[in-house]
Amino acid sequence: MVLLVVTLVSAAVAGGVSLLAPTSAPVADRRPIYPPDQTSVRVVGNPFVPNTIPRER
């Protein structure tokens, strides 16, 4: 019974907050992100290779 009350109160609070929260920016204000515009990331160290055969270490 307590779990039901906590669930309903949490849902009511989350619903109220979602009504009061500001909406996201309009679609016209968003710019698409193109891969050439992003900076490349340098990977340091060996790449992770999962051990699929546990007997071979």
Protein backbone atom coordinates (compact mmCIF):
# COMPACT_ATOMS: atom_id res chain seq x y z
CA MET A 1 0.00 0.00 0.00
CA VAL A 2 2.83 2.35 0.85
CA LEU A 3 4.50 1.61 -2.48
CA LEU A 4 1.31 2.54 -4.32
CA VAL A 5 1.05 5.85 -2.47
CA VAL A 6 4.70 6.68 -3.11
CA THR A 7 4.29 5.82 -6.79
CA LEU A 8 1.20 8.00 -7.18
CA VAL A 9 2.76 10.95 -5.33
CA SER A 10 5.94 10.66 -7.41
CA ALA A 11 3.92 10.55 -10.63
CA ALA A 12 1.92 13.60 -9.55
CA VAL A 13 5.07 15.56 -8.71
CA ALA A 14 6.73 14.56 -12.00
CA GLY A 15 3.62 15.55 -13.94
CA GLY A 16 3.46 18.92 -12.20
CA VAL A 17 7.11 19.62 -12.85
CA SER A 18 6.76 18.70 -16.51
CA LEU A 19 3.92 21.21 -16.87
CA LEU A 20 5.98 23.98 -15.27
CA ALA A 21 9.28 23.22 -17.01
CA PRO A 22 10.20 25.43 -19.97
CA THR A 23 9.92 23.88 -23.37
CA SER A 24 12.93 23.28 -25.59
CA ALA A 25 14.02 25.72 -28.27
CA PRO A 26 11.93 25.88 -31.45
CA VAL A 27 13.02 23.65 -34.29
CA ALA A 28 14.01 26.67 -36.41
CA ASP A 29 16.64 27.72 -33.84
CA ARG A 30 18.43 24.37 -33.86
CA ARG A 31 21.31 23.80 -36.25
CA PRO A 32 22.27 20.33 -37.43
CA ILE A 33 25.71 19.09 -36.41
CA TYR A 34 27.82 17.94 -39.31
CA PRO A 35 30.65 15.41 -38.71
CA PRO A 36 33.33 17.57 -40.41
CA ASP A 37 32.59 20.37 -37.93
CA GLN A 38 33.40 18.16 -34.94
CA THR A 39 36.92 17.93 -33.60
CA SER A 40 38.56 14.52 -33.76
CA VAL A 41 39.29 12.61 -30.58
CA ARG A 42 42.67 11.04 -29.92
CA VAL A 43 42.55 7.55 -28.46
CA VAL A 44 45.39 6.81 -26.04
CA GLY A 45 46.40 3.22 -25.36
CA ASN A 46 45.52 -0.11 -26.83
CA PRO A 47 41.98 -0.69 -28.07
CA PHE A 48 39.86 -2.95 -25.89
CA VAL A 49 39.46 -6.46 -27.28
CA PRO A 50 37.12 -8.65 -25.26
CA ASN A 51 38.42 -12.07 -24.33
CA THR A 52 35.97 -14.40 -26.06
CA ILE A 53 38.02 -17.50 -25.17
CA PRO A 54 38.61 -17.39 -21.40
CA ARG A 55 41.05 -20.34 -21.44
CA GLU A 56 43.55 -18.31 -23.50
CA ARG A 57 45.14 -15.63 -21.36
